């Protein structure tokens, strides 16, 4: 989980000093990014937004898919979303001092605004999109994207459901590959 979380804050192979488990998380995150970017369903979702948001369409779809995951959490996990998010925050706080500075800063923001839990509501998504829009100095217009989420809600949720099943299967396979111990010759 730690490796997956910090992966976007680590460039190239500057993760060799981390434990094997964190390295695997970083590599898995990168594999997930590649899989997601190439997936036909994700591309279909992005096309719905491309005219309005240009190259920000992928960021917005990522946030929308997080919304559908959080909103439908009970379909994917026996652990209630609130309990899960609190356990994630505790883990991140415990490990914070060993993480890249950008990750440490983001942990504070995540906890303060309870981002993981609030992904389950339109208000929480609006807050995230407002923050992203501010980071682009208003150029992205991501603050308007909840309108598109409501407009295409049924289609996007169907896209997410299909994609997420594919992603789960992909991750299960990649985790097996990352945990295989090479034969000694």
N, C-alpha and C. Protein backbone atom coordinates (compact mmCIF):
# COMPACT_ATOMS: atom_id res chain seq x y z
N UNK A 1 0.82 -1.19 0.00
CA UNK A 1 0.00 0.00 0.00
C UNK A 1 0.87 1.26 0.00
N UNK A 2 1.93 1.25 0.78
CA UNK A 2 2.83 2.41 0.84
C UNK A 2 3.47 2.64 -0.53
N UNK A 3 3.97 1.60 -1.14
CA UNK A 3 4.60 1.74 -2.46
C UNK A 3 3.64 2.28 -3.50
N UNK A 4 2.44 1.76 -3.49
CA UNK A 4 1.42 2.24 -4.43
C UNK A 4 1.13 3.72 -4.20
N UNK A 5 1.06 4.12 -2.94
CA UNK A 5 0.75 5.51 -2.59
C UNK A 5 1.86 6.48 -3.01
N UNK A 6 3.11 6.11 -2.81
CA UNK A 6 4.21 7.05 -3.08
C UNK A 6 4.71 7.01 -4.52
N UNK A 7 4.23 6.07 -5.31
CA UNK A 7 4.78 5.84 -6.65
C UNK A 7 4.81 7.09 -7.52
N UNK A 8 3.77 7.91 -7.46
CA UNK A 8 3.73 9.12 -8.29
C UNK A 8 4.75 10.17 -7.84
N UNK A 9 5.29 10.01 -6.65
CA UNK A 9 6.25 10.98 -6.13
C UNK A 9 7.70 10.51 -6.26
N UNK A 10 7.89 9.41 -6.98
CA UNK A 10 9.24 8.87 -7.16
C UNK A 10 9.50 8.72 -8.65
N UNK A 11 10.59 9.30 -9.10
CA UNK A 11 10.94 9.25 -10.52
C UNK A 11 11.95 8.14 -10.80
N UNK A 12 11.81 7.57 -11.96
CA UNK A 12 12.78 6.57 -12.40
C UNK A 12 12.93 5.43 -11.43
N UNK A 13 14.19 5.09 -11.16
CA UNK A 13 14.45 3.97 -10.23
C UNK A 13 14.98 4.47 -8.88
N UNK A 14 14.57 5.65 -8.47
CA UNK A 14 15.03 6.23 -7.20
C UNK A 14 14.25 5.68 -6.01
N UNK A 15 14.02 4.38 -6.03
CA UNK A 15 13.29 3.73 -4.94
C UNK A 15 14.04 2.51 -4.42
N UNK A 16 15.28 2.37 -4.82
CA UNK A 16 16.04 1.17 -4.46
C UNK A 16 16.30 1.03 -2.96
N UNK A 17 16.23 2.12 -2.22
CA UNK A 17 16.50 2.07 -0.79
C UNK A 17 15.29 1.60 0.03
N UNK A 18 14.15 1.43 -0.62
CA UNK A 18 12.95 0.97 0.09
C UNK A 18 12.94 -0.55 0.21
N UNK A 19 12.09 -1.03 1.11
CA UNK A 19 11.96 -2.49 1.29
C UNK A 19 11.42 -3.13 0.02
N UNK A 20 11.57 -4.44 -0.06
CA UNK A 20 11.09 -5.18 -1.23
C UNK A 20 9.58 -4.99 -1.42
N UNK A 21 8.84 -4.98 -0.34
CA UNK A 21 7.38 -4.83 -0.44
C UNK A 21 7.01 -3.46 -0.99
N UNK A 22 7.68 -2.41 -0.56
CA UNK A 22 7.40 -1.07 -1.07
C UNK A 22 7.80 -0.98 -2.53
N UNK A 23 8.93 -1.57 -2.88
CA UNK A 23 9.35 -1.59 -4.29
C UNK A 23 8.28 -2.26 -5.15
N UNK A 24 7.74 -3.38 -4.68
CA UNK A 24 6.69 -4.08 -5.42
C UNK A 24 5.46 -3.20 -5.58
N UNK A 25 5.12 -2.45 -4.55
CA UNK A 25 3.98 -1.53 -4.62
C UNK A 25 4.19 -0.45 -5.66
N UNK A 26 5.40 0.08 -5.73
CA UNK A 26 5.73 1.12 -6.72
C UNK A 26 5.62 0.53 -8.12
N UNK A 27 6.19 -0.65 -8.31
CA UNK A 27 6.13 -1.29 -9.62
C UNK A 27 4.70 -1.64 -10.01
N UNK A 28 3.91 -2.12 -9.06
CA UNK A 28 2.52 -2.44 -9.34
C UNK A 28 1.75 -1.17 -9.75
N UNK A 29 1.99 -0.09 -9.05
CA UNK A 29 1.33 1.19 -9.39
C UNK A 29 1.64 1.59 -10.82
N UNK A 30 2.88 1.45 -11.21
CA UNK A 30 3.28 1.81 -12.57
C UNK A 30 2.62 0.89 -13.60
N UNK A 31 2.52 -0.38 -13.28
CA UNK A 31 1.83 -1.32 -14.16
C UNK A 31 0.35 -0.97 -14.29
N UNK A 32 -0.26 -0.58 -13.17
CA UNK A 32 -1.67 -0.18 -13.17
C UNK A 32 -1.87 1.06 -14.04
N UNK A 33 -0.98 2.03 -13.92
CA UNK A 33 -1.07 3.24 -14.75
C UNK A 33 -1.02 2.90 -16.23
N UNK A 34 -0.09 2.04 -16.61
CA UNK A 34 0.06 1.65 -18.01
C UNK A 34 -1.19 0.91 -18.49
N UNK A 35 -1.66 -0.03 -17.70
CA UNK A 35 -2.86 -0.80 -18.03
C UNK A 35 -4.06 0.13 -18.20
N UNK A 36 -4.23 1.04 -17.26
CA UNK A 36 -5.37 1.97 -17.28
C UNK A 36 -5.33 2.86 -18.51
N UNK A 37 -4.17 3.44 -18.79
CA UNK A 37 -4.06 4.35 -19.93
C UNK A 37 -4.38 3.66 -21.26
N UNK A 38 -4.11 2.38 -21.36
CA UNK A 38 -4.31 1.66 -22.61
C UNK A 38 -5.70 0.99 -22.70
N UNK A 39 -6.45 0.99 -21.63
CA UNK A 39 -7.71 0.25 -21.59
C UNK A 39 -8.80 0.93 -22.42
N UNK A 40 -9.47 0.16 -23.25
CA UNK A 40 -10.48 0.71 -24.16
C UNK A 40 -11.66 1.35 -23.43
N UNK A 41 -12.04 0.82 -22.30
CA UNK A 41 -13.16 1.39 -21.53
C UNK A 41 -12.77 2.75 -20.95
N UNK A 42 -11.57 2.86 -20.45
CA UNK A 42 -11.10 4.14 -19.91
C UNK A 42 -11.05 5.17 -21.04
N UNK A 43 -10.56 4.76 -22.19
CA UNK A 43 -10.52 5.68 -23.34
C UNK A 43 -11.92 6.13 -23.73
N UNK A 44 -12.86 5.20 -23.68
CA UNK A 44 -14.26 5.53 -23.97
C UNK A 44 -14.79 6.57 -22.98
N UNK A 45 -14.50 6.39 -21.70
CA UNK A 45 -14.90 7.36 -20.68
C UNK A 45 -14.28 8.72 -20.94
N UNK A 46 -13.00 8.72 -21.25
CA UNK A 46 -12.28 9.98 -21.49
C UNK A 46 -12.85 10.74 -22.69
N UNK A 47 -13.26 10.01 -23.72
CA UNK A 47 -13.81 10.67 -24.91
C UNK A 47 -15.05 11.50 -24.57
N UNK A 48 -15.82 11.07 -23.59
CA UNK A 48 -17.01 11.83 -23.20
C UNK A 48 -16.63 13.22 -22.66
N UNK A 49 -15.45 13.35 -22.14
CA UNK A 49 -15.03 14.60 -21.50
C UNK A 49 -14.01 15.40 -22.30
N UNK A 50 -13.44 14.78 -23.31
CA UNK A 50 -12.28 15.38 -23.97
C UNK A 50 -12.56 16.77 -24.57
N UNK A 51 -13.67 16.93 -25.21
CA UNK A 51 -13.94 18.22 -25.85
C UNK A 51 -13.92 19.37 -24.84
N UNK A 52 -14.46 19.12 -23.66
CA UNK A 52 -14.55 20.18 -22.65
C UNK A 52 -13.24 20.37 -21.87
N UNK A 53 -12.51 19.27 -21.63
CA UNK A 53 -11.37 19.33 -20.70
C UNK A 53 -10.02 19.03 -21.33
N UNK A 54 -9.99 18.63 -22.59
CA UNK A 54 -8.72 18.34 -23.25
C UNK A 54 -7.94 17.27 -22.51
N UNK A 55 -6.64 17.52 -22.34
CA UNK A 55 -5.78 16.50 -21.72
C UNK A 55 -6.02 16.29 -20.23
N UNK A 56 -6.91 17.06 -19.64
CA UNK A 56 -7.27 16.83 -18.24
C UNK A 56 -8.33 15.74 -18.10
N UNK A 57 -8.85 15.24 -19.22
CA UNK A 57 -9.90 14.23 -19.19
C UNK A 57 -9.48 13.00 -18.39
N UNK A 58 -8.23 12.57 -18.49
CA UNK A 58 -7.76 11.39 -17.77
C UNK A 58 -7.75 11.59 -16.26
N UNK A 59 -7.34 12.76 -15.83
CA UNK A 59 -7.32 13.08 -14.39
C UNK A 59 -8.75 13.05 -13.86
N UNK A 60 -9.66 13.63 -14.61
CA UNK A 60 -11.06 13.68 -14.18
C UNK A 60 -11.66 12.28 -14.13
N UNK A 61 -11.41 11.48 -15.14
CA UNK A 61 -11.94 10.10 -15.14
C UNK A 61 -11.36 9.33 -13.96
N UNK A 62 -10.10 9.52 -13.65
CA UNK A 62 -9.51 8.87 -12.49
C UNK A 62 -10.28 9.23 -11.21
N UNK A 63 -10.61 10.50 -11.06
CA UNK A 63 -11.36 10.96 -9.89
C UNK A 63 -12.77 10.38 -9.91
N UNK A 64 -13.41 10.36 -11.08
CA UNK A 64 -14.75 9.79 -11.19
C UNK A 64 -14.73 8.30 -10.84
N UNK A 65 -13.73 7.59 -11.32
CA UNK A 65 -13.64 6.17 -11.00
C UNK A 65 -13.41 5.96 -9.50
N UNK A 66 -12.63 6.84 -8.87
CA UNK A 66 -12.47 6.77 -7.41
C UNK A 66 -13.82 6.97 -6.72
N UNK A 67 -14.62 7.88 -7.26
CA UNK A 67 -15.96 8.12 -6.72
C UNK A 67 -16.81 6.86 -6.81
N UNK A 68 -16.83 6.22 -7.97
CA UNK A 68 -17.65 5.02 -8.11
C UNK A 68 -17.16 3.89 -7.21
N UNK A 69 -15.85 3.78 -7.03
CA UNK A 69 -15.32 2.78 -6.12
C UNK A 69 -15.77 3.06 -4.69
N UNK A 70 -15.61 4.30 -4.25
CA UNK A 70 -15.99 4.65 -2.87
C UNK A 70 -17.50 4.55 -2.66
N UNK A 71 -18.25 5.01 -3.63
CA UNK A 71 -19.73 4.98 -3.55
C UNK A 71 -20.24 3.55 -3.45
N UNK A 72 -19.60 2.64 -4.15
CA UNK A 72 -20.02 1.23 -4.18
C UNK A 72 -19.11 0.33 -3.35
N UNK A 73 -18.42 0.90 -2.40
CA UNK A 73 -17.40 0.21 -1.62
C UNK A 73 -17.89 -1.13 -1.08
N UNK A 74 -19.13 -1.17 -0.59
CA UNK A 74 -19.66 -2.40 0.02
C UNK A 74 -19.71 -3.56 -0.97
N UNK A 75 -19.71 -3.26 -2.26
CA UNK A 75 -19.70 -4.33 -3.28
C UNK A 75 -18.32 -4.94 -3.44
N UNK A 76 -17.29 -4.25 -2.96
CA UNK A 76 -15.92 -4.69 -3.19
C UNK A 76 -15.17 -5.09 -1.91
N UNK A 77 -15.70 -4.72 -0.76
CA UNK A 77 -14.97 -4.99 0.47
C UNK A 77 -15.94 -5.26 1.62
N UNK A 78 -15.56 -6.19 2.50
CA UNK A 78 -16.34 -6.47 3.70
C UNK A 78 -16.04 -5.45 4.79
N UNK A 79 -14.95 -4.72 4.64
CA UNK A 79 -14.57 -3.70 5.62
C UNK A 79 -15.30 -2.41 5.26
N UNK A 80 -16.04 -1.81 6.20
CA UNK A 80 -16.73 -0.55 5.90
C UNK A 80 -15.73 0.53 5.45
N UNK A 81 -16.17 1.38 4.53
CA UNK A 81 -15.29 2.41 3.97
C UNK A 81 -14.67 3.28 5.04
N UNK A 82 -15.46 3.71 6.00
CA UNK A 82 -14.93 4.59 7.06
C UNK A 82 -13.82 3.90 7.86
N UNK A 83 -14.02 2.65 8.21
CA UNK A 83 -12.99 1.90 8.96
C UNK A 83 -11.74 1.71 8.10
N UNK A 84 -11.95 1.39 6.83
CA UNK A 84 -10.82 1.20 5.93
C UNK A 84 -10.00 2.48 5.79
N UNK A 85 -10.69 3.60 5.54
CA UNK A 85 -9.95 4.85 5.33
C UNK A 85 -9.18 5.25 6.60
N UNK A 86 -9.77 5.04 7.76
CA UNK A 86 -9.07 5.37 9.00
C UNK A 86 -7.82 4.51 9.18
N UNK A 87 -7.91 3.24 8.81
CA UNK A 87 -6.74 2.36 8.92
C UNK A 87 -5.65 2.78 7.94
N UNK A 88 -6.04 3.22 6.75
CA UNK A 88 -5.07 3.72 5.77
C UNK A 88 -4.39 4.97 6.31
N UNK A 89 -5.17 5.90 6.85
CA UNK A 89 -4.59 7.13 7.40
C UNK A 89 -3.60 6.82 8.53
N UNK A 90 -3.96 5.88 9.39
CA UNK A 90 -3.07 5.50 10.49
C UNK A 90 -1.75 4.93 9.96
N UNK A 91 -1.85 4.06 8.97
CA UNK A 91 -0.64 3.49 8.36
C UNK A 91 0.22 4.59 7.76
N UNK A 92 -0.39 5.49 7.01
CA UNK A 92 0.36 6.56 6.35
C UNK A 92 1.02 7.49 7.39
N UNK A 93 0.31 7.80 8.47
CA UNK A 93 0.90 8.65 9.52
C UNK A 93 2.10 7.95 10.15
N UNK A 94 1.95 6.66 10.41
CA UNK A 94 3.03 5.87 11.04
C UNK A 94 4.28 5.85 10.16
N UNK A 95 4.10 5.73 8.85
CA UNK A 95 5.21 5.61 7.91
C UNK A 95 5.67 6.94 7.33
N UNK A 96 4.98 8.00 7.63
CA UNK A 96 5.18 9.30 6.98
C UNK A 96 6.64 9.75 6.91
N UNK A 97 7.37 9.63 8.00
CA UNK A 97 8.74 10.16 8.03
C UNK A 97 9.68 9.44 7.06
N UNK A 98 9.30 8.26 6.60
CA UNK A 98 10.13 7.51 5.66
C UNK A 98 9.76 7.75 4.20
N UNK A 99 8.79 8.62 3.97
CA UNK A 99 8.24 8.81 2.63
C UNK A 99 8.75 10.10 2.00
N UNK A 100 8.64 10.20 0.66
CA UNK A 100 9.04 11.44 -0.01
C UNK A 100 8.24 12.63 0.53
N UNK A 101 8.85 13.81 0.49
CA UNK A 101 8.24 15.01 1.04
C UNK A 101 6.85 15.27 0.44
N UNK A 102 6.70 15.12 -0.87
CA UNK A 102 5.39 15.34 -1.50
C UNK A 102 4.34 14.39 -0.94
N UNK A 103 4.74 13.16 -0.68
CA UNK A 103 3.81 12.19 -0.10
C UNK A 103 3.43 12.60 1.32
N UNK A 104 4.41 13.05 2.09
CA UNK A 104 4.14 13.50 3.46
C UNK A 104 3.14 14.65 3.46
N UNK A 105 3.34 15.60 2.55
CA UNK A 105 2.44 16.75 2.49
C UNK A 105 1.03 16.32 2.10
N UNK A 106 0.94 15.39 1.15
CA UNK A 106 -0.36 14.94 0.69
C UNK A 106 -1.10 14.16 1.78
N UNK A 107 -0.37 13.42 2.60
CA UNK A 107 -1.00 12.69 3.70
C UNK A 107 -1.73 13.67 4.62
N UNK A 108 -1.08 14.76 4.96
CA UNK A 108 -1.72 15.76 5.82
C UNK A 108 -3.02 16.28 5.21
N UNK A 109 -2.97 16.57 3.93
CA UNK A 109 -4.15 17.06 3.20
C UNK A 109 -5.25 15.99 3.18
N UNK A 110 -4.86 14.74 2.87
CA UNK A 110 -5.83 13.64 2.82
C UNK A 110 -6.56 13.48 4.14
N UNK A 111 -5.81 13.52 5.21
CA UNK A 111 -6.41 13.31 6.53
C UNK A 111 -7.27 14.51 6.92
N UNK A 112 -6.75 15.70 6.73
CA UNK A 112 -7.49 16.90 7.12
C UNK A 112 -8.86 16.97 6.44
N UNK A 113 -8.90 16.62 5.17
CA UNK A 113 -10.15 16.71 4.41
C UNK A 113 -10.83 15.34 4.23
N UNK A 114 -10.29 14.32 4.88
CA UNK A 114 -10.84 12.96 4.81
C UNK A 114 -11.16 12.57 3.36
N UNK A 115 -10.18 12.79 2.51
CA UNK A 115 -10.34 12.63 1.06
C UNK A 115 -10.83 11.23 0.69
N UNK A 116 -10.20 10.21 1.22
CA UNK A 116 -10.57 8.84 0.83
C UNK A 116 -12.04 8.55 1.11
N UNK A 117 -12.51 8.95 2.25
CA UNK A 117 -13.92 8.72 2.58
C UNK A 117 -14.83 9.64 1.76
N UNK A 118 -14.43 10.88 1.61
CA UNK A 118 -15.28 11.85 0.92
C UNK A 118 -15.37 11.64 -0.59
N UNK A 119 -14.53 10.76 -1.12
CA UNK A 119 -14.69 10.38 -2.53
C UNK A 119 -16.06 9.73 -2.75
N UNK A 120 -16.72 9.30 -1.71
CA UNK A 120 -18.00 8.60 -1.85
C UNK A 120 -19.19 9.53 -2.05
N UNK A 121 -18.95 10.84 -2.00
CA UNK A 121 -20.05 11.80 -2.16
C UNK A 121 -19.76 12.78 -3.29
N UNK A 122 -20.82 13.30 -3.89
CA UNK A 122 -20.63 14.33 -4.92
C UNK A 122 -19.98 15.57 -4.34
N UNK A 123 -20.32 15.90 -3.10
CA UNK A 123 -19.70 17.07 -2.45
C UNK A 123 -18.20 16.86 -2.29
N UNK A 124 -17.81 15.64 -1.91
CA UNK A 124 -16.39 15.34 -1.76
C UNK A 124 -15.66 15.42 -3.10
N UNK A 125 -16.30 14.91 -4.15
CA UNK A 125 -15.70 14.97 -5.48
C UNK A 125 -15.59 16.43 -5.94
N UNK A 126 -16.61 17.23 -5.65
CA UNK A 126 -16.56 18.64 -6.02
C UNK A 126 -15.39 19.33 -5.33
N UNK A 127 -15.17 18.99 -4.07
CA UNK A 127 -14.06 19.58 -3.32
C UNK A 127 -12.71 19.21 -3.96
N UNK A 128 -12.56 17.96 -4.34
CA UNK A 128 -11.33 17.50 -4.99
C UNK A 128 -11.14 18.23 -6.32
N UNK A 129 -12.20 18.30 -7.10
CA UNK A 129 -12.12 18.96 -8.42
C UNK A 129 -11.82 20.46 -8.28
N UNK A 130 -12.39 21.08 -7.27
CA UNK A 130 -12.08 22.50 -7.02
C UNK A 130 -10.60 22.67 -6.71
N UNK A 131 -10.06 21.76 -5.89
CA UNK A 131 -8.64 21.82 -5.56
C UNK A 131 -7.76 21.61 -6.78
N UNK A 132 -8.13 20.66 -7.61
CA UNK A 132 -7.36 20.40 -8.83
C UNK A 132 -7.44 21.60 -9.78
N UNK A 133 -8.60 22.20 -9.88
CA UNK A 133 -8.76 23.37 -10.73
C UNK A 133 -7.87 24.52 -10.23
N UNK A 134 -7.80 24.68 -8.92
CA UNK A 134 -6.93 25.72 -8.35
C UNK A 134 -5.47 25.48 -8.70
N UNK A 135 -5.07 24.21 -8.65
CA UNK A 135 -3.68 23.87 -8.99
C UNK A 135 -3.33 24.24 -10.42
N UNK A 136 -4.33 24.21 -11.31
CA UNK A 136 -4.08 24.58 -12.71
C UNK A 136 -4.40 26.05 -12.96
N UNK A 137 -4.61 26.79 -11.86
CA UNK A 137 -4.94 28.22 -11.94
C UNK A 137 -6.18 28.47 -12.80
N UNK A 138 -7.14 27.55 -12.71
CA UNK A 138 -8.41 27.67 -13.41
C UNK A 138 -8.40 27.23 -14.86
N UNK A 139 -7.23 26.92 -15.38
CA UNK A 139 -7.12 26.55 -16.80
C UNK A 139 -7.86 25.25 -17.13
N UNK A 140 -7.88 24.31 -16.21
CA UNK A 140 -8.48 22.99 -16.48
C UNK A 140 -10.00 23.01 -16.46
N UNK A 141 -10.57 23.92 -15.72
CA UNK A 141 -12.02 23.99 -15.49
C UNK A 141 -12.57 22.71 -14.87
N UNK A 142 -11.73 22.01 -14.15
CA UNK A 142 -12.16 20.77 -13.51
C UNK A 142 -13.28 21.00 -12.50
N UNK A 143 -13.38 22.21 -12.00
CA UNK A 143 -14.44 22.51 -11.05
C UNK A 143 -15.84 22.32 -11.65
N UNK A 144 -15.93 22.28 -12.98
CA UNK A 144 -17.22 22.09 -13.66
C UNK A 144 -17.56 20.61 -13.88
N UNK A 145 -16.62 19.74 -13.62
CA UNK A 145 -16.76 18.34 -14.04
C UNK A 145 -17.86 17.57 -13.31
N UNK A 146 -18.29 18.01 -12.13
CA UNK A 146 -19.39 17.31 -11.47
C UNK A 146 -20.64 17.36 -12.33
N UNK A 147 -20.79 18.43 -13.11
CA UNK A 147 -21.91 18.51 -14.05
C UNK A 147 -21.85 17.33 -15.03
N UNK A 148 -20.67 17.03 -15.52
CA UNK A 148 -20.50 15.92 -16.46
C UNK A 148 -20.69 14.58 -15.76
N UNK A 149 -20.27 14.50 -14.51
CA UNK A 149 -20.48 13.27 -13.74
C UNK A 149 -21.98 13.00 -13.62
N UNK A 150 -22.74 14.04 -13.36
CA UNK A 150 -24.19 13.86 -13.24
C UNK A 150 -24.82 13.56 -14.60
N UNK A 151 -24.35 14.22 -15.64
CA UNK A 151 -24.88 14.03 -16.98
C UNK A 151 -24.64 12.61 -17.50
N UNK A 152 -23.43 12.11 -17.29
CA UNK A 152 -23.03 10.79 -17.80
C UNK A 152 -22.94 9.74 -16.70
N UNK A 153 -23.60 9.95 -15.60
CA UNK A 153 -23.45 9.08 -14.43
C UNK A 153 -23.66 7.61 -14.76
N UNK A 154 -24.75 7.27 -15.41
CA UNK A 154 -25.06 5.87 -15.71
C UNK A 154 -23.98 5.25 -16.60
N UNK A 155 -23.61 5.94 -17.66
CA UNK A 155 -22.63 5.42 -18.60
C UNK A 155 -21.25 5.28 -17.94
N UNK A 156 -20.87 6.28 -17.18
CA UNK A 156 -19.56 6.25 -16.52
C UNK A 156 -19.50 5.16 -15.45
N UNK A 157 -20.59 4.98 -14.73
CA UNK A 157 -20.59 3.93 -13.71
C UNK A 157 -20.52 2.55 -14.37
N UNK A 158 -21.20 2.38 -15.49
CA UNK A 158 -21.08 1.11 -16.23
C UNK A 158 -19.65 0.91 -16.72
N UNK A 159 -19.05 1.97 -17.25
CA UNK A 159 -17.64 1.89 -17.68
C UNK A 159 -16.76 1.46 -16.51
N UNK A 160 -16.93 2.13 -15.38
CA UNK A 160 -16.11 1.82 -14.21
C UNK A 160 -16.26 0.37 -13.80
N UNK A 161 -17.48 -0.11 -13.75
CA UNK A 161 -17.73 -1.48 -13.28
C UNK A 161 -17.02 -2.50 -14.16
N UNK A 162 -17.09 -2.31 -15.47
CA UNK A 162 -16.40 -3.22 -16.39
C UNK A 162 -14.89 -3.10 -16.23
N UNK A 163 -14.41 -1.86 -16.23
CA UNK A 163 -12.97 -1.62 -16.11
C UNK A 163 -12.43 -2.19 -14.80
N UNK A 164 -13.13 -1.94 -13.70
CA UNK A 164 -12.61 -2.33 -12.40
C UNK A 164 -12.48 -3.84 -12.28
N UNK A 165 -13.40 -4.57 -12.87
CA UNK A 165 -13.26 -6.03 -12.87
C UNK A 165 -12.01 -6.45 -13.64
N UNK A 166 -11.78 -5.82 -14.80
CA UNK A 166 -10.56 -6.09 -15.57
C UNK A 166 -9.32 -5.72 -14.76
N UNK A 167 -9.39 -4.59 -14.08
CA UNK A 167 -8.25 -4.12 -13.29
C UNK A 167 -7.96 -5.08 -12.14
N UNK A 168 -8.98 -5.56 -11.48
CA UNK A 168 -8.78 -6.51 -10.38
C UNK A 168 -8.09 -7.78 -10.87
N UNK A 169 -8.54 -8.29 -12.01
CA UNK A 169 -7.90 -9.48 -12.58
C UNK A 169 -6.46 -9.19 -12.96
N UNK A 170 -6.22 -8.04 -13.57
CA UNK A 170 -4.87 -7.64 -13.95
C UNK A 170 -3.97 -7.55 -12.72
N UNK A 171 -4.46 -6.91 -11.66
CA UNK A 171 -3.66 -6.75 -10.45
C UNK A 171 -3.35 -8.09 -9.80
N UNK A 172 -4.33 -8.97 -9.76
CA UNK A 172 -4.08 -10.30 -9.19
C UNK A 172 -2.95 -11.00 -9.94
N UNK A 173 -2.95 -10.90 -11.26
CA UNK A 173 -1.90 -11.53 -12.07
C UNK A 173 -0.55 -10.85 -11.81
N UNK A 174 -0.53 -9.51 -11.80
CA UNK A 174 0.73 -8.79 -11.59
C UNK A 174 1.30 -9.06 -10.20
N UNK A 175 0.44 -9.15 -9.21
CA UNK A 175 0.93 -9.43 -7.85
C UNK A 175 1.59 -10.80 -7.82
N UNK A 176 0.99 -11.77 -8.50
CA UNK A 176 1.61 -13.10 -8.59
C UNK A 176 2.98 -13.00 -9.26
N UNK A 177 3.06 -12.24 -10.35
CA UNK A 177 4.33 -12.10 -11.05
C UNK A 177 5.38 -11.41 -10.20
N UNK A 178 4.97 -10.41 -9.43
CA UNK A 178 5.92 -9.67 -8.59
C UNK A 178 6.39 -10.47 -7.39
N UNK A 179 5.62 -11.49 -7.01
CA UNK A 179 6.01 -12.28 -5.84
C UNK A 179 6.68 -13.59 -6.19
N UNK A 180 6.80 -13.87 -7.47
CA UNK A 180 7.49 -15.09 -7.90
C UNK A 180 8.98 -14.96 -7.60
N UNK A 181 9.49 -15.97 -6.96
CA UNK A 181 10.92 -15.98 -6.67
C UNK A 181 11.62 -16.65 -7.85
N UNK A 182 12.56 -15.95 -8.47
CA UNK A 182 13.25 -16.55 -9.63
C UNK A 182 13.99 -17.82 -9.23
N UNK A 183 13.99 -18.80 -10.12
CA UNK A 183 14.74 -20.04 -9.88
C UNK A 183 16.23 -19.75 -9.87
N UNK A 184 16.89 -20.37 -8.92
CA UNK A 184 18.35 -20.20 -8.88
C UNK A 184 18.96 -21.17 -9.88
N UNK A 185 19.91 -20.70 -10.60
CA UNK A 185 20.55 -21.55 -11.62
C UNK A 185 21.85 -22.10 -11.11
